[in-house]
Protein backbone atom coordinates (compact mmCIF):
# COMPACT_ATOMS: atom_id res chain seq x y z
CA UNK A 1 24.15 64.13 -10.62
CA UNK A 2 24.03 60.49 -8.86
CA UNK A 3 25.90 57.55 -10.04
CA UNK A 4 24.39 54.65 -11.25
CA UNK A 5 25.02 52.70 -7.69
CA UNK A 6 22.81 55.61 -5.83
CA UNK A 7 19.61 53.62 -7.40
CA UNK A 8 20.75 50.13 -6.74
CA UNK A 9 21.10 50.61 -3.08
CA UNK A 10 18.73 54.13 -2.70
CA UNK A 11 20.73 56.23 -0.52
CA UNK A 12 21.15 60.11 -1.29
CA UNK A 13 22.97 62.85 0.07
CA UNK A 14 20.98 65.37 1.70
CA UNK A 15 21.31 68.05 -0.68
CA UNK A 16 20.86 66.15 -4.04
CA UNK A 17 18.00 65.24 -6.11
CA UNK A 18 17.22 62.59 -8.48
CA UNK A 19 17.78 63.76 -12.12
CA UNK A 20 14.65 62.91 -14.40
CA UNK A 21 16.21 59.72 -15.56
CA UNK A 22 16.83 58.29 -11.96
CA UNK A 23 13.60 59.58 -10.89
CA UNK A 24 12.07 57.37 -13.80
CA UNK A 25 14.83 54.52 -12.70
CA UNK A 26 13.48 54.91 -9.58
CA UNK A 27 9.74 54.76 -10.22
CA UNK A 28 10.29 51.68 -12.41
CA UNK A 29 11.68 50.10 -9.57
CA UNK A 30 9.54 50.56 -6.98
CA UNK A 31 6.08 51.20 -8.50
CA UNK A 32 4.75 47.71 -8.23
CA UNK A 33 5.48 47.35 -4.78
CA UNK A 34 4.23 50.36 -3.45
CA UNK A 35 0.77 49.87 -5.65
CA UNK A 36 0.36 46.07 -3.55
CA UNK A 37 1.18 47.94 -0.19
CA UNK A 38 -1.35 50.90 -0.64
CA UNK A 39 -3.48 48.97 -1.99
CA UNK A 40 -3.99 46.23 0.28
CA UNK A 41 -3.83 49.14 3.02
CA UNK A 42 -6.76 50.72 1.67
CA UNK A 43 -8.87 48.23 0.03
CA UNK A 44 -9.52 50.11 -3.16
CA UNK A 45 -8.26 50.06 -6.00
CA UNK A 46 -8.90 53.79 -7.71
CA UNK A 47 -8.07 55.03 -4.68
CA UNK A 48 -4.50 53.30 -4.38
CA UNK A 49 -3.89 54.56 -7.91
CA UNK A 50 -4.83 58.08 -7.04
CA UNK A 51 -2.54 57.79 -3.53
CA UNK A 52 0.23 56.11 -5.38
CA UNK A 53 0.40 58.79 -7.89
CA UNK A 54 0.09 61.64 -5.53
CA UNK A 55 3.05 59.90 -4.01
CA UNK A 56 5.22 60.01 -6.29
CA UNK A 57 4.28 63.45 -7.27
CA UNK A 58 4.78 64.67 -3.62
CA UNK A 59 8.17 62.78 -3.75
CA UNK A 60 9.39 64.78 -6.76
CA UNK A 61 8.28 67.74 -5.49
CA UNK A 62 9.79 67.73 -2.37
CA UNK A 63 12.60 64.94 -2.19
CA UNK A 64 13.85 63.91 1.38
CA UNK A 65 15.61 67.21 2.89
CA UNK A 66 16.25 66.05 7.13
CA UNK A 67 19.84 64.86 7.49
CA UNK A 68 18.15 60.88 8.61
CA UNK A 69 16.15 60.58 5.76
CA UNK A 70 18.37 58.67 3.44
CA UNK A 71 16.89 55.57 2.16
CA UNK A 72 14.67 57.06 -0.73
CA UNK A 73 12.05 53.64 -0.74
CA UNK A 74 11.09 54.34 2.73
CA UNK A 75 10.70 58.07 2.27
CA UNK A 76 8.31 57.45 -0.59
CA UNK A 77 6.34 54.40 1.22
CA UNK A 78 5.80 57.10 4.31
CA UNK A 79 4.41 59.38 1.71
CA UNK A 80 2.00 56.69 1.10
CA UNK A 81 1.26 55.81 4.36
CA UNK A 82 0.33 59.48 5.43
CA UNK A 83 -1.68 59.98 2.10
CA UNK A 84 -3.40 56.39 3.29
CA UNK A 85 -4.08 57.91 6.74
CA UNK A 86 -5.20 61.11 5.47
CA UNK A 87 -7.53 59.09 3.08
CA UNK A 88 -8.76 57.59 6.29
CA UNK A 89 -10.02 60.48 7.87
CA UNK A 90 -11.78 61.82 5.35
CA UNK A 91 -13.49 58.69 5.01
CA UNK A 92 -13.97 58.83 8.99
CA UNK A 93 -15.30 62.51 8.33
CA UNK A 94 -17.83 60.84 5.33
CA UNK A 95 -19.44 58.31 7.54
CA UNK A 96 -19.84 60.36 10.37
CA UNK A 97 -21.79 62.94 8.35
CA UNK A 98 -23.65 60.52 6.21
CA UNK A 99 -24.29 58.56 9.87
CA UNK A 100 -25.96 61.67 10.74
CA UNK A 101 -27.89 62.74 7.73
CA UNK A 102 -29.47 58.76 7.80
CA UNK A 103 -30.22 59.60 11.67
CA UNK A 104 -32.12 62.53 10.22
CA UNK A 105 -33.55 61.21 7.22
CA UNK A 106 -34.35 57.62 8.84
CA UNK A 107 -33.25 56.39 5.64
CA UNK A 108 -31.79 52.40 5.92
CA UNK A 109 -29.19 51.65 4.13
CA UNK A 110 -27.27 48.16 3.87
CA UNK A 111 -24.06 47.69 5.19
CA UNK A 112 -21.52 46.50 2.98
CA UNK A 113 -20.91 42.95 2.15
CA UNK A 114 -17.03 41.60 2.65
CA UNK A 115 -15.43 39.34 0.09
CA UNK A 116 -16.11 35.55 0.81
CA UNK A 117 -11.98 35.03 1.41
CA UNK A 118 -11.50 34.94 5.21
CA UNK A 119 -7.95 36.44 5.25
CA UNK A 120 -9.45 39.44 2.96
CA UNK A 121 -11.99 39.85 5.75
CA UNK A 122 -9.72 39.05 8.46
CA UNK A 123 -7.20 42.31 7.12
CA UNK A 124 -10.12 44.66 6.93
CA UNK A 125 -11.11 44.05 10.24
CA UNK A 126 -7.48 45.44 11.23
CA UNK A 127 -7.04 49.12 12.13
CA UNK A 128 -4.60 50.60 9.32
CA UNK A 129 -1.38 50.81 11.32
CA UNK A 130 -1.87 46.96 12.17
CA UNK A 131 -2.59 45.88 8.08
CA UNK A 132 0.39 48.74 6.89
CA UNK A 133 2.75 46.75 9.77
CA UNK A 134 1.97 43.39 8.59
CA UNK A 135 1.72 44.07 5.03
CA UNK A 136 5.17 45.64 5.39
CA UNK A 137 6.66 43.03 7.70
CA UNK A 138 5.71 39.59 6.05
CA UNK A 139 4.87 40.63 2.11
CA UNK A 140 7.36 43.81 1.69
CA UNK A 141 10.35 41.99 4.00
CA UNK A 142 11.03 45.40 5.35
CA UNK A 143 13.29 45.80 8.31
CA UNK A 144 12.34 47.08 11.92
CA UNK A 145 14.41 50.27 10.96
CA UNK A 146 12.46 50.88 7.30
CA UNK A 147 9.28 49.82 9.05
CA UNK A 148 9.82 52.81 11.57
CA UNK A 149 10.59 55.01 9.20
CA UNK A 150 7.75 54.48 6.67
CA UNK A 151 5.45 54.50 9.48
CA UNK A 152 6.63 57.13 11.78
CA UNK A 153 6.69 55.03 14.73
CA UNK A 154 10.09 54.13 17.27
CA UNK A 155 12.16 51.56 16.24
CA UNK A 156 11.94 49.69 19.48
CA UNK A 157 8.28 49.75 19.99
CA UNK A 158 7.88 47.69 16.50
CA UNK A 159 8.26 44.27 18.12
CA UNK A 160 5.25 44.85 20.44
CA UNK A 161 3.41 46.36 18.05
CA UNK A 162 3.70 43.71 15.34
CA UNK A 163 3.27 40.88 18.06
CA UNK A 164 0.10 42.08 18.90
CA UNK A 165 -0.92 42.79 15.37
CA UNK A 166 -0.58 39.26 14.59
CA UNK A 167 -2.65 38.50 18.04
CA UNK A 168 -5.62 40.93 16.59
CA UNK A 169 -5.21 39.16 13.06
CA UNK A 170 -5.03 35.67 14.60
CA UNK A 171 -8.37 36.43 16.51
CA UNK A 172 -10.41 38.15 13.15
CA UNK A 173 -9.25 35.11 11.50
CA UNK A 174 -11.04 33.29 13.91
CA UNK A 175 -14.01 35.00 13.59
CA UNK A 176 -14.01 34.81 10.13
CA UNK A 177 -14.27 31.51 10.07
CA UNK A 178 -10.65 30.52 9.32
CA UNK A 179 -8.48 28.73 12.34
CA UNK A 180 -5.13 29.60 11.95
CA UNK A 181 -2.18 27.25 13.76
CA UNK A 182 -1.36 28.98 17.31
CA UNK A 183 1.36 31.63 16.86
CA UNK A 184 4.93 30.17 17.69
CA UNK A 185 7.64 32.36 19.38
CA UNK A 186 9.99 31.26 16.96
CA UNK A 187 8.40 32.92 13.80
CA UNK A 188 9.30 36.99 15.38
CA UNK A 189 9.03 38.82 11.74
CA UNK A 190 11.75 40.95 10.52
CA UNK A 191 14.58 42.41 12.10
C-alpha cells in the first residue's frame, strides 16, 4: 500500500497500484484542473465531462506500467489529451461526411458562430496542440518535462513549439480584433 506522502507528490513505483481510498483522494486533487484543461481544449462542457470521466476510468483500469511513467497526474493528463485528440479525429471525419452529404443534397447550412470574446475566438482558431501547449504552460503551470509527458512530445522541442503557439495565438488575437502587446523575449514560459 502507498503511504500518504505518495499522493502529495504523485509518484508511484512501477508495480504499485492505488487503493480505492488513494484513488478517491487523487481524484479529488486532480478533477478540477483536469476538467478545466479538457474543457478549454475541446470547448464543450458535456464532451469535456465525458472525456474526463473516461480518462479516470482508463487510469483506474490501466495504471502506469512503464518504468519512466512515474508522475500520476501527467499520466492522467496524457490519457485525457489522447482522448480529446481521438474526439477531434472523429469530429473531422464527421465534418467530412457531412460536407459530402451537404454537397450531394445541396443543402446550405449556417456556419457556427463564435462567442464575441476575442480571446476565446482566438483560442478556438488554434490547433488542438497549440491550445494544449498554451493551456498547460500558462493556465496549469506545467514544466516542460511534464508537458512533454502529457502531450507525448520531446522536451527539447517544447520551447520552439510554445514560441510558435504564442506567435500564432497573437496573430489570431489580431484577426479577432484584439491587439496584444508584442511578445517580449524575457517571458519564456515554464521551464
